[in-house]
Amino acid sequence: MSHDKDMVIKLIGIRIRKLRTDNQLTLENLAFKADMDYTQLSRIELGKINTSLFQIYKIALALKVSSTDILNSLDT
């Protein structure tokens, strides 16, 4: 399935938020574990910024999931 850029950004943010809440982490906790500012993570989750693959990788490590677990949300 093909999505436009804005939809991809939103789907990735939704997936990150779901993984974070499933792991009972606050935004601040996950941001700390991923070594990023919580405001940046918030903007990613809200689909307001197009983040880098490296940031997705860091978030995945902090969530103890693979990067593909985040990117698989694009297959819906």
Protein backbone atom coordinates (compact mmCIF):
# COMPACT_ATOMS: atom_id res chain seq x y z
CA MET A 1 0.00 0.00 0.00
CA SER A 2 1.31 3.44 -0.88
CA HIS A 3 1.04 6.40 1.48
CA ASP A 4 1.95 10.03 1.01
CA LYS A 5 4.72 11.59 3.09
CA ASP A 6 2.41 13.14 5.71
CA MET A 7 0.60 9.83 6.24
CA VAL A 8 3.90 7.97 6.69
CA ILE A 9 5.06 10.48 9.29
CA LYS A 10 1.74 10.17 11.19
CA LEU A 11 1.70 6.35 11.07
CA ILE A 12 5.23 6.13 12.44
CA GLY A 13 4.32 8.50 15.27
CA ILE A 14 1.18 6.53 16.11
CA ARG A 15 3.19 3.29 16.20
CA ILE A 16 5.88 4.77 18.46
CA ARG A 17 3.25 6.10 20.87
CA LYS A 18 1.50 2.70 20.99
CA LEU A 19 4.76 0.88 21.69
CA ARG A 20 5.64 3.45 24.36
CA THR A 21 2.31 3.20 26.13
CA ASP A 22 2.27 -0.61 25.82
CA ASN A 23 5.58 -0.54 27.69
CA GLN A 24 4.11 1.87 30.27
CA LEU A 25 6.73 4.51 29.54
CA THR A 26 6.12 8.21 29.78
CA LEU A 27 7.24 10.47 26.99
CA GLU A 28 10.02 11.72 29.23
CA ASN A 29 11.17 8.19 30.15
CA LEU A 30 11.41 7.08 26.54
CA ALA A 31 13.12 10.29 25.47
CA PHE A 32 15.71 9.81 28.20
CA LYS A 33 16.31 6.18 27.19
CA ALA A 34 16.60 7.20 23.52
CA ASP A 35 18.94 10.11 24.39
CA MET A 36 16.74 12.74 22.82
CA ASP A 37 14.76 15.75 23.96
CA TYR A 38 11.21 14.86 24.99
CA THR A 39 9.82 17.73 22.90
CA GLN A 40 11.39 16.18 19.81
CA LEU A 41 9.89 12.79 20.68
CA SER A 42 6.52 14.45 21.23
CA ARG A 43 6.66 16.05 17.77
CA ILE A 44 7.58 12.67 16.26
CA GLU A 45 4.64 10.95 17.98
CA LEU A 46 2.28 13.70 16.86
CA GLY A 47 3.47 13.36 13.27
CA LYS A 48 4.66 16.96 13.20
CA ILE A 49 8.24 16.27 12.08
CA ASN A 50 9.87 13.92 9.65
CA THR A 51 12.50 12.20 11.76
CA SER A 52 15.62 10.41 10.61
CA LEU A 53 16.11 6.66 10.43
CA PHE A 54 18.81 7.06 13.06
CA GLN A 55 16.27 8.56 15.49
CA ILE A 56 13.86 5.69 14.74
CA TYR A 57 16.72 3.28 15.43
CA LYS A 58 17.46 4.98 18.80
CA ILE A 59 13.77 4.92 19.76
CA ALA A 60 13.52 1.24 18.81
CA LEU A 61 16.57 0.40 20.95
CA ALA A 62 15.05 2.26 23.89
CA LEU A 63 11.77 0.37 23.42
CA LYS A 64 13.66 -2.93 23.06
CA VAL A 65 12.06 -3.62 19.68
CA SER A 66 13.49 -3.76 16.19
CA SER A 67 13.28 -0.79 13.87
CA THR A 68 11.09 -2.93 11.64
CA ASP A 69 8.55 -3.16 14.47
CA ILE A 70 8.09 0.57 14.06
CA LEU A 71 8.23 0.63 10.27
CA ASN A 72 5.83 -2.30 9.89
CA SER A 73 3.05 0.15 10.77
CA LEU A 74 3.37 1.40 7.21
CA ASP A 75 2.04 -1.89 5.85
CA THR A 76 -1.49 -1.18 7.09
